[in-house]
Amino acid sequence: MKLPNYIDLAIVGAGVQALTLTTHLLQKSAKHYHKFLVFDPSRTWLSQWQQQFAAQQIPYLRSPAVHHPDPNPHQLRTFAEHRYNELFPPYDRPGTKLFNDFCDQVIHRWKLTDKVYPAKVIKILPIEHVSRSRFQLVLNTEETIIARRVVLATGSGKVQLPNWVEKITSNYPSDRLCHSQQVNLNQLKLTGEKILIVGGGLTSGHLAKGAINLGATVTLMTRKQLQSKIFDADPGWLGPKYLKDFHAETDWSARYQQIQQARNGGSITPEMMLQLRKASHQGRVRIDESCQVSDAQWQENLWQVHCHDGSKHQFNRIWLATGTRFNAKEHPLLQDVLEAYPTEIVNGLPILDKHLRLPKSNLFIMGGLVALQIGPVARNIGGGKMACQRIVPAIVKPSLAIG
């Protein structure tokens, strides 16, 4: 594919939310079909998503069958007509393979296979162009392209590491301490190993299960008590039940507090809780709740770990399922844009206009960074749909366009 000099819309990232935006855009206005490009170094849709699910051996999604990238909420159930055994109760949560196959079908049905340009956007530079704003995208291939509008849909979370990690003074092999995003269960042999997994979210559950299946003994350490919830945020956040009051709140810091309370760190599903408790009775996993590491050092080929309660442990590996945090000020692609379009930022989250644009600009954002507008589900598939309802009109309706 030859890169054009100019494009009406550049979508940065080819994940689930970017795919959702693309199908919603085409549904509303097929004439925009030739006017956009998606940029992702993987050259394919959803590659990071699929790699993560495969690496952590995740059997099915946490979200129900109505949440997926197609504009028709019933489309996935229709697709699963002869594969109902791949929808898991409650709420028909789709199996990973079913969801991937469905997304492939969505990509083909909307003719999106060749819409991903295989390059990483490394800079977004605002350019003033005769009273109109434009953006120059600089790619890792040394190419550049000018876009009238940009949607940032990169997932954009930054890996969060506990404080004690920075205090490690000993040298250790890099595969012996990693964030959950770097763990690939399919490439490991763990027989007889002791593994410490830090974190109380669903990812830590998947990793614990995977490690046990590979012959390891696991200690799962969580700051608070493990919480069991079907979804990571209550479904009331997908509709007016909670959003009405949330949107009526004009104090952005108060909104931020509501988001924190709704997600409340991390939680695991009831069935994962059951599996972990069972493994705990069998002595294959130890669950240390309300416990934190104070210090870890790599000595004699083992991690010597000290906890706040004074206990000491030894492990072969440490995996940090400590999530990601969202901070617009730290996002490499927002640096130059925020300088040109000053935006108020509350606890790392930007205050955007109602179409999820940086004020007075044509740069839109999706994902976890738009939580102040969308609410605690902003980073989820359902949150992606809610973001589309705000972004798509501003792209297809000339009256809502800027410049």
Protein backbone atom coordinates (compact mmCIF):
# COMPACT_ATOMS: atom_id res chain seq x y z
CA MET A 1 0.00 0.00 0.00
CA LYS A 2 1.35 3.39 -0.97
CA LEU A 3 0.95 6.02 1.70
CA PRO A 4 -0.99 9.06 0.46
CA ASN A 5 0.23 12.56 1.34
CA TYR A 6 -3.06 13.56 2.94
CA ILE A 7 -5.93 11.74 4.60
CA ASP A 8 -9.18 13.00 6.11
CA LEU A 9 -8.98 10.74 9.17
CA ALA A 10 -6.07 8.87 10.74
CA ILE A 11 -6.89 6.25 13.39
CA VAL A 12 -3.88 5.40 15.55
CA GLY A 13 -4.07 1.80 16.78
CA ALA A 14 -5.90 -1.24 15.39
CA GLY A 15 -7.43 -2.69 18.54
CA VAL A 16 -11.03 -3.50 19.46
CA GLN A 17 -12.00 0.13 20.05
CA ALA A 18 -10.47 1.28 16.75
CA LEU A 19 -12.35 -1.49 14.92
CA THR A 20 -15.57 -0.50 16.71
CA LEU A 21 -15.12 3.13 15.65
CA THR A 22 -14.47 2.12 12.04
CA THR A 23 -17.62 0.00 11.68
CA HIS A 24 -19.77 2.68 13.36
CA LEU A 25 -18.32 5.32 11.06
CA LEU A 26 -19.05 3.28 7.94
CA GLN A 27 -22.55 2.46 9.11
CA LYS A 28 -23.33 6.17 9.41
CA SER A 29 -21.53 7.34 6.30
CA ALA A 30 -20.10 4.95 3.74
CA LYS A 31 -18.83 7.90 1.71
CA HIS A 32 -16.10 8.32 4.35
CA TYR A 33 -14.99 4.85 3.44
CA HIS A 34 -11.98 5.84 1.34
CA LYS A 35 -11.00 8.77 3.51
CA PHE A 36 -9.35 7.07 6.45
CA LEU A 37 -6.38 4.90 7.33
CA VAL A 38 -5.54 2.93 10.46
CA PHE A 39 -1.93 2.87 11.68
CA ASP A 40 -0.57 -0.10 13.57
CA PRO A 41 2.92 -1.65 13.43
CA SER A 42 1.43 -5.16 13.47
CA ARG A 43 -0.20 -4.60 10.01
CA THR A 44 -3.32 -6.51 11.19
CA TRP A 45 -6.40 -5.72 13.26
CA LEU A 46 -6.51 -6.82 16.94
CA SER A 47 -3.05 -8.41 16.92
CA GLN A 48 -2.05 -7.15 20.38
CA TRP A 49 -5.42 -8.14 21.83
CA GLN A 50 -5.17 -11.64 20.37
CA GLN A 51 -1.55 -12.09 21.45
CA GLN A 52 -2.41 -11.09 25.02
CA PHE A 53 -5.34 -13.52 25.22
CA ALA A 54 -3.21 -16.34 23.78
CA ALA A 55 -0.20 -15.57 26.01
CA GLN A 56 -2.34 -15.64 29.17
CA GLN A 57 -4.44 -18.59 27.95
CA ILE A 58 -7.69 -16.71 28.55
CA PRO A 59 -10.59 -19.02 27.58
CA TYR A 60 -13.37 -16.44 27.24
CA LEU A 61 -14.11 -12.73 27.55
CA ARG A 62 -15.35 -11.04 30.67
CA SER A 63 -17.89 -8.96 28.78
CA PRO A 64 -21.28 -10.25 27.52
CA ALA A 65 -22.10 -11.20 23.92
CA VAL A 66 -23.69 -7.82 23.15
CA HIS A 67 -20.28 -6.10 23.47
CA HIS A 68 -18.26 -6.40 20.27
CA PRO A 69 -17.06 -4.17 17.40
CA ASP A 70 -20.12 -4.47 15.12
CA PRO A 71 -22.84 -1.76 15.28
CA ASN A 72 -25.57 -4.43 15.55
CA PRO A 73 -25.55 -5.69 19.17
CA HIS A 74 -27.17 -9.04 18.17
CA GLN A 75 -24.63 -9.82 15.46
CA LEU A 76 -22.34 -11.98 17.62
CA ARG A 77 -25.19 -14.17 18.89
CA THR A 78 -26.37 -14.65 15.30
CA PHE A 79 -22.82 -15.57 14.28
CA ALA A 80 -22.67 -18.09 17.16
CA GLU A 81 -25.85 -19.85 15.99
CA HIS A 82 -24.18 -23.28 15.70
CA ARG A 83 -21.58 -22.59 18.38
CA TYR A 84 -23.70 -21.92 21.46
CA ASN A 85 -21.36 -24.09 23.52
CA GLU A 86 -18.81 -21.26 23.07
CA LEU A 87 -21.02 -18.75 24.90
CA PHE A 88 -20.44 -18.95 28.66
CA PRO A 89 -22.92 -18.17 31.42
CA PRO A 90 -23.92 -15.76 32.77
CA TYR A 91 -24.68 -13.23 30.00
CA ASP A 92 -23.33 -15.40 27.15
CA ARG A 93 -19.72 -14.33 27.45
CA PRO A 94 -18.02 -15.33 24.18
CA GLY A 95 -15.16 -17.83 24.08
CA THR A 96 -11.88 -16.32 22.86
CA LYS A 97 -11.86 -18.29 19.59
CA LEU A 98 -15.50 -17.44 18.87
CA PHE A 99 -14.83 -13.75 19.49
CA ASN A 100 -11.72 -13.76 17.27
CA ASP A 101 -13.57 -15.58 14.46
CA PHE A 102 -16.45 -13.13 14.75
CA CYS A 103 -14.08 -10.14 14.56
CA ASP A 104 -12.46 -11.65 11.44
CA GLN A 105 -15.90 -11.85 9.89
CA VAL A 106 -16.62 -8.21 10.86
CA ILE A 107 -13.33 -7.12 9.26
CA HIS A 108 -14.20 -8.92 6.01
CA ARG A 109 -17.84 -7.86 5.94
CA TRP A 110 -16.90 -4.19 6.30
CA LYS A 111 -14.00 -4.64 3.82
CA LEU A 112 -11.37 -3.50 6.30
CA THR A 113 -8.61 -6.03 5.66
CA ASP A 114 -6.37 -3.59 3.78
CA LYS A 115 -7.12 -0.54 5.92
CA VAL A 116 -4.25 -1.05 8.40
CA TYR A 117 -1.04 0.66 7.34
CA PRO A 118 1.90 -1.28 8.84
CA ALA A 119 3.72 1.47 10.71
CA LYS A 120 3.94 2.88 14.19
CA VAL A 121 3.04 6.53 14.69
CA ILE A 122 5.90 7.99 16.73
CA LYS A 123 4.89 11.68 16.71
CA ILE A 124 1.78 13.72 16.09
CA LEU A 125 2.66 17.31 15.20
CA PRO A 126 -0.08 19.96 14.97
CA ILE A 127 0.40 22.25 11.97
CA GLU A 128 -1.40 25.52 11.40
CA HIS A 129 -2.59 25.56 7.83
CA VAL A 130 -4.30 28.72 6.57
CA SER A 131 -6.76 29.08 9.48
CA ARG A 132 -7.31 25.33 9.59
CA SER A 133 -5.63 22.90 11.90
CA ARG A 134 -4.04 19.75 10.53
CA PHE A 135 -1.76 17.09 12.00
CA GLN A 136 1.42 15.65 10.64
CA LEU A 137 1.94 12.03 11.63
CA VAL A 138 5.55 10.88 11.75
CA LEU A 139 5.95 7.12 11.31
CA ASN A 140 8.74 4.78 12.41
CA THR A 141 9.30 4.07 8.71
CA GLU A 142 10.49 7.71 8.35
CA GLU A 143 7.38 8.47 6.27
CA THR A 144 4.98 11.28 7.13
CA ILE A 145 1.33 11.92 6.33
CA ILE A 146 -0.93 14.89 6.97
CA ALA A 147 -4.36 14.20 8.48
CA ARG A 148 -7.29 16.56 8.91
CA ARG A 149 -8.43 14.60 11.98
CA VAL A 150 -6.83 12.04 14.23
CA VAL A 151 -8.36 9.50 16.59
CA LEU A 152 -5.97 8.17 19.21
CA ALA A 153 -7.09 4.59 19.98
CA THR A 154 -3.88 3.05 21.25
CA GLY A 155 -5.07 1.59 24.55
CA SER A 156 -2.62 4.14 25.98
CA GLY A 157 -2.19 2.63 29.45
CA LYS A 158 1.28 2.78 30.95
CA VAL A 159 2.51 -0.28 32.84
CA GLN A 160 2.19 0.29 36.58
CA LEU A 161 4.96 -1.09 38.79
CA PRO A 162 5.03 -1.24 42.61
CA ASN A 163 7.53 1.06 44.39
CA TRP A 164 9.70 -1.80 45.67
CA VAL A 165 10.62 -2.77 42.09
CA GLU A 166 12.62 0.46 41.71
CA LYS A 167 14.58 -0.39 44.87
CA ILE A 168 15.97 -3.69 43.57
CA THR A 169 19.75 -3.29 43.55
CA SER A 170 20.80 -6.80 42.49
CA ASN A 171 21.10 -7.81 38.84
CA TYR A 172 18.58 -10.42 37.78
CA PRO A 173 17.66 -12.23 34.53
CA SER A 174 14.97 -10.18 32.81
CA ASP A 175 12.53 -13.10 32.51
CA ARG A 176 12.51 -13.57 36.30
CA LEU A 177 10.61 -10.37 37.05
CA CYS A 178 8.07 -9.20 34.55
CA HIS A 179 4.81 -7.35 34.17
CA SER A 180 1.87 -9.56 33.19
CA GLN A 181 1.97 -8.09 29.66
CA GLN A 182 5.38 -9.73 29.10
CA VAL A 183 4.39 -13.21 30.32
CA ASN A 184 3.71 -15.81 27.64
CA LEU A 185 2.50 -19.04 29.24
CA ASN A 186 2.90 -20.91 25.95
CA GLN A 187 6.68 -20.48 26.01
CA LEU A 188 7.38 -21.54 29.59
CA LYS A 189 8.29 -24.72 31.44
CA LEU A 190 7.61 -24.18 35.13
CA THR A 191 7.70 -27.65 36.71
CA GLY A 192 8.68 -27.40 40.37
CA GLU A 193 9.04 -23.59 40.31
CA LYS A 194 7.64 -21.24 42.92
CA ILE A 195 6.06 -18.14 41.45
CA LEU A 196 4.87 -14.97 43.16
CA ILE A 197 2.04 -13.19 41.37
CA VAL A 198 1.29 -9.69 42.67
CA GLY A 199 -2.17 -8.23 42.03
CA GLY A 200 -5.82 -8.96 42.69
CA GLY A 201 -7.39 -8.57 39.25
CA LEU A 202 -8.56 -11.17 36.75
CA THR A 203 -5.16 -11.21 34.99
CA SER A 204 -3.50 -12.52 38.14
CA GLY A 205 -6.10 -15.30 38.23
CA HIS A 206 -5.41 -16.30 34.61
CA LEU A 207 -1.66 -16.31 35.23
CA ALA A 208 -2.02 -18.31 38.45
CA LYS A 209 -4.16 -20.92 36.67
CA GLY A 210 -1.71 -21.10 33.75
CA ALA A 211 1.32 -21.46 36.04
CA ILE A 212 -0.36 -24.22 38.10
CA ASN A 213 -1.17 -26.11 34.87
CA LEU A 214 2.52 -25.87 33.96
CA GLY A 215 3.56 -27.49 37.24
CA ALA A 216 4.39 -24.46 39.38
CA THR A 217 3.31 -23.61 42.91
CA VAL A 218 1.87 -20.11 43.08
CA THR A 219 1.60 -17.47 45.77
CA LEU A 220 -1.00 -14.85 44.88
CA MET A 221 -0.40 -11.66 46.85
CA THR A 222 -3.00 -8.91 46.96
CA ARG A 223 -2.98 -5.54 48.69
CA LYS A 224 -6.62 -5.92 49.78
CA GLN A 225 -9.05 -8.81 50.13
CA LEU A 226 -9.77 -10.52 46.79
CA GLN A 227 -13.00 -9.16 45.33
CA SER A 228 -15.33 -11.34 43.33
CA LYS A 229 -17.38 -9.55 40.63
CA ILE A 230 -18.77 -10.74 37.30
CA PHE A 231 -17.70 -7.50 35.57
CA ASP A 232 -14.86 -5.13 36.43
CA ALA A 233 -17.38 -2.27 36.76
CA ASP A 234 -21.09 -2.60 37.49
CA PRO A 235 -23.26 -2.84 34.30
CA GLY A 236 -25.15 0.20 35.62
CA TRP A 237 -22.20 2.24 34.29
CA LEU A 238 -23.18 1.33 30.71
CA GLY A 239 -26.47 3.23 30.95
CA PRO A 240 -28.36 6.00 32.73
CA LYS A 241 -28.54 4.13 36.07
CA TYR A 242 -25.17 5.56 37.19
CA LEU A 243 -24.18 7.76 34.26
CA LYS A 244 -27.01 10.25 34.82
CA ASP A 245 -25.53 11.40 38.15
CA PHE A 246 -21.98 11.01 36.84
CA HIS A 247 -22.62 13.39 33.93
CA ALA A 248 -24.50 15.81 36.21
CA GLU A 249 -21.35 16.07 38.40
CA THR A 250 -19.50 19.23 37.33
CA ASP A 251 -16.50 18.77 39.64
CA TRP A 252 -13.97 16.76 37.63
CA SER A 253 -12.09 15.58 40.71
CA ALA A 254 -15.33 14.20 42.14
CA ARG A 255 -15.91 12.37 38.84
CA TYR A 256 -12.40 10.92 39.09
CA GLN A 257 -13.19 9.63 42.60
CA GLN A 258 -16.37 7.98 41.29
CA ILE A 259 -14.34 6.19 38.60
CA GLN A 260 -11.82 4.94 41.18
CA GLN A 261 -14.56 3.70 43.48
CA ALA A 262 -16.41 1.93 40.66
CA ARG A 263 -13.35 -0.02 39.51
CA ASN A 264 -11.89 -0.29 43.02
CA GLY A 265 -8.48 -1.68 42.05
CA GLY A 266 -9.20 -5.05 40.49
CA SER A 267 -11.58 -7.96 40.85
CA ILE A 268 -11.91 -11.53 39.65
CA THR A 269 -14.94 -13.40 38.38
CA PRO A 270 -16.85 -15.75 40.70
CA GLU A 271 -15.81 -18.82 38.66
CA MET A 272 -12.13 -17.80 38.80
CA MET A 273 -12.48 -17.32 42.58
CA LEU A 274 -13.88 -20.87 42.80
CA GLN A 275 -10.96 -22.30 40.80
CA LEU A 276 -8.39 -20.45 42.94
CA ARG A 277 -9.99 -21.56 46.22
CA LYS A 278 -10.02 -25.15 44.94
CA ALA A 279 -6.33 -24.95 43.93
CA SER A 280 -5.63 -23.43 47.34
CA HIS A 281 -7.21 -26.46 49.11
CA GLN A 282 -5.02 -28.70 46.96
CA GLY A 283 -1.94 -26.77 48.08
CA ARG A 284 -1.08 -25.56 44.57
CA VAL A 285 -1.79 -21.92 45.23
CA ARG A 286 -1.45 -19.86 48.37
CA ILE A 287 -3.54 -16.71 48.56
CA ASP A 288 -1.96 -13.95 50.66
CA GLU A 289 -4.60 -11.25 50.99
CA SER A 290 -3.96 -7.78 52.46
CA CYS A 291 -0.23 -8.42 52.10
CA GLN A 292 2.47 -6.36 50.35
CA VAL A 293 6.10 -6.84 49.38
CA SER A 294 8.45 -4.41 51.11
CA ASP A 295 11.68 -5.58 49.49
CA ALA A 296 12.89 -8.13 46.94
CA GLN A 297 16.47 -8.97 45.97
CA TRP A 298 17.82 -11.57 43.53
CA GLN A 299 20.35 -13.78 45.35
CA GLU A 300 21.63 -17.29 44.64
CA ASN A 301 19.26 -17.70 41.69
CA LEU A 302 16.17 -16.95 43.76
CA TRP A 303 14.11 -13.95 44.76
CA GLN A 304 14.44 -13.24 48.47
CA VAL A 305 11.19 -11.46 49.27
CA HIS A 306 10.37 -9.57 52.48
CA CYS A 307 6.79 -8.55 53.22
CA HIS A 308 5.34 -5.75 55.35
CA ASP A 309 4.13 -8.30 57.89
CA GLY A 310 7.73 -9.38 58.51
CA SER A 311 7.47 -12.70 56.66
CA LYS A 312 10.20 -13.86 54.24
CA HIS A 313 9.76 -16.01 51.13
CA GLN A 314 11.78 -17.38 48.23
CA PHE A 315 10.58 -17.53 44.62
CA ASN A 316 11.94 -18.48 41.20
CA ARG A 317 9.93 -15.77 39.44
CA ILE A 318 7.80 -12.73 40.16
CA TRP A 319 4.97 -11.67 37.87
CA LEU A 320 3.37 -8.26 38.36
CA ALA A 321 -0.32 -8.25 37.45
CA THR A 322 -0.47 -4.66 38.67
CA GLY A 323 -2.33 -3.15 35.73
CA THR A 324 -1.78 0.04 33.80
CA ARG A 325 -2.43 3.67 34.57
CA PHE A 326 -3.56 6.41 32.26
CA ASN A 327 -1.79 9.73 32.07
CA ALA A 328 -2.18 12.09 29.14
CA LYS A 329 0.95 14.01 30.19
CA GLU A 330 3.04 10.85 29.82
CA HIS A 331 1.55 9.71 26.51
CA PRO A 332 4.32 10.10 23.90
CA LEU A 333 1.89 11.00 21.10
CA LEU A 334 0.15 13.75 23.08
CA GLN A 335 3.18 15.84 24.03
CA ASP A 336 3.21 18.22 21.04
CA VAL A 337 -0.58 18.27 20.71
CA LEU A 338 -1.15 19.32 24.33
CA GLU A 339 1.30 22.18 23.81
CA ALA A 340 -0.69 23.45 20.83
CA TYR A 341 -4.08 22.77 22.45
CA PRO A 342 -3.77 23.44 26.19
CA THR A 343 -6.08 21.03 28.01
CA GLU A 344 -6.92 20.78 31.67
CA ILE A 345 -5.81 17.43 33.09
CA VAL A 346 -7.20 15.90 36.29
CA ASN A 347 -5.18 13.03 37.81
CA GLY A 348 -3.74 12.26 34.39
CA LEU A 349 -7.10 12.34 32.57
CA PRO A 350 -7.80 15.12 30.03
CA ILE A 351 -10.98 17.22 30.09
CA LEU A 352 -12.25 16.83 26.54
CA ASP A 353 -15.22 18.36 24.71
CA LYS A 354 -18.41 16.33 24.40
CA HIS A 355 -17.19 14.71 21.17
CA LEU A 356 -14.01 13.54 22.97
CA ARG A 357 -11.76 16.07 21.25
CA LEU A 358 -8.99 18.06 22.88
CA PRO A 359 -10.59 21.52 23.16
CA LYS A 360 -10.73 23.43 19.84
CA SER A 361 -8.90 20.64 18.01
CA ASN A 362 -9.56 17.77 15.65
CA LEU A 363 -7.76 15.24 17.82
CA PHE A 364 -10.14 12.69 19.32
CA ILE A 365 -9.28 10.15 22.03
CA MET A 366 -10.77 6.73 22.89
CA GLY A 367 -10.01 4.23 25.66
CA GLY A 368 -9.01 4.64 29.31
CA LEU A 369 -7.97 8.28 28.88
CA VAL A 370 -11.58 9.37 28.26
CA ALA A 371 -12.90 8.05 31.59
CA LEU A 372 -13.86 11.56 32.81
CA GLN A 373 -16.36 11.75 29.94
CA ILE A 374 -17.40 8.09 29.47
CA GLY A 375 -17.07 6.77 33.03
CA PRO A 376 -15.29 3.75 34.56
CA VAL A 377 -15.98 1.47 31.56
CA ALA A 378 -14.10 3.77 29.14
CA ARG A 379 -11.36 1.20 28.49
CA ASN A 380 -13.79 -1.73 27.94
CA ILE A 381 -15.51 -2.82 24.71
CA GLY A 382 -18.79 -1.28 25.92
CA GLY A 383 -16.94 1.96 26.65
CA GLY A 384 -15.62 1.93 23.08
CA LYS A 385 -19.21 1.88 21.79
CA MET A 386 -20.12 4.79 24.05
CA ALA A 387 -17.12 6.73 22.73
CA CYS A 388 -18.26 6.07 19.14
CA GLN A 389 -21.65 7.65 19.87
CA ARG A 390 -19.81 10.87 20.62
CA ILE A 391 -17.02 10.79 18.03
CA VAL A 392 -18.87 9.60 14.91
CA PRO A 393 -21.33 12.56 14.68
CA ALA A 394 -18.42 15.03 14.88
CA ILE A 395 -16.77 13.30 11.91
CA VAL A 396 -19.80 12.75 9.64
CA LYS A 397 -21.84 15.91 10.35
CA PRO A 398 -20.30 19.01 8.77
CA SER A 399 -22.10 21.24 11.33
CA LEU A 400 -20.11 19.64 14.18
CA ALA A 401 -16.72 19.78 12.43
CA ILE A 402 -13.89 22.05 13.52
CA GLY A 403 -11.82 23.63 10.72
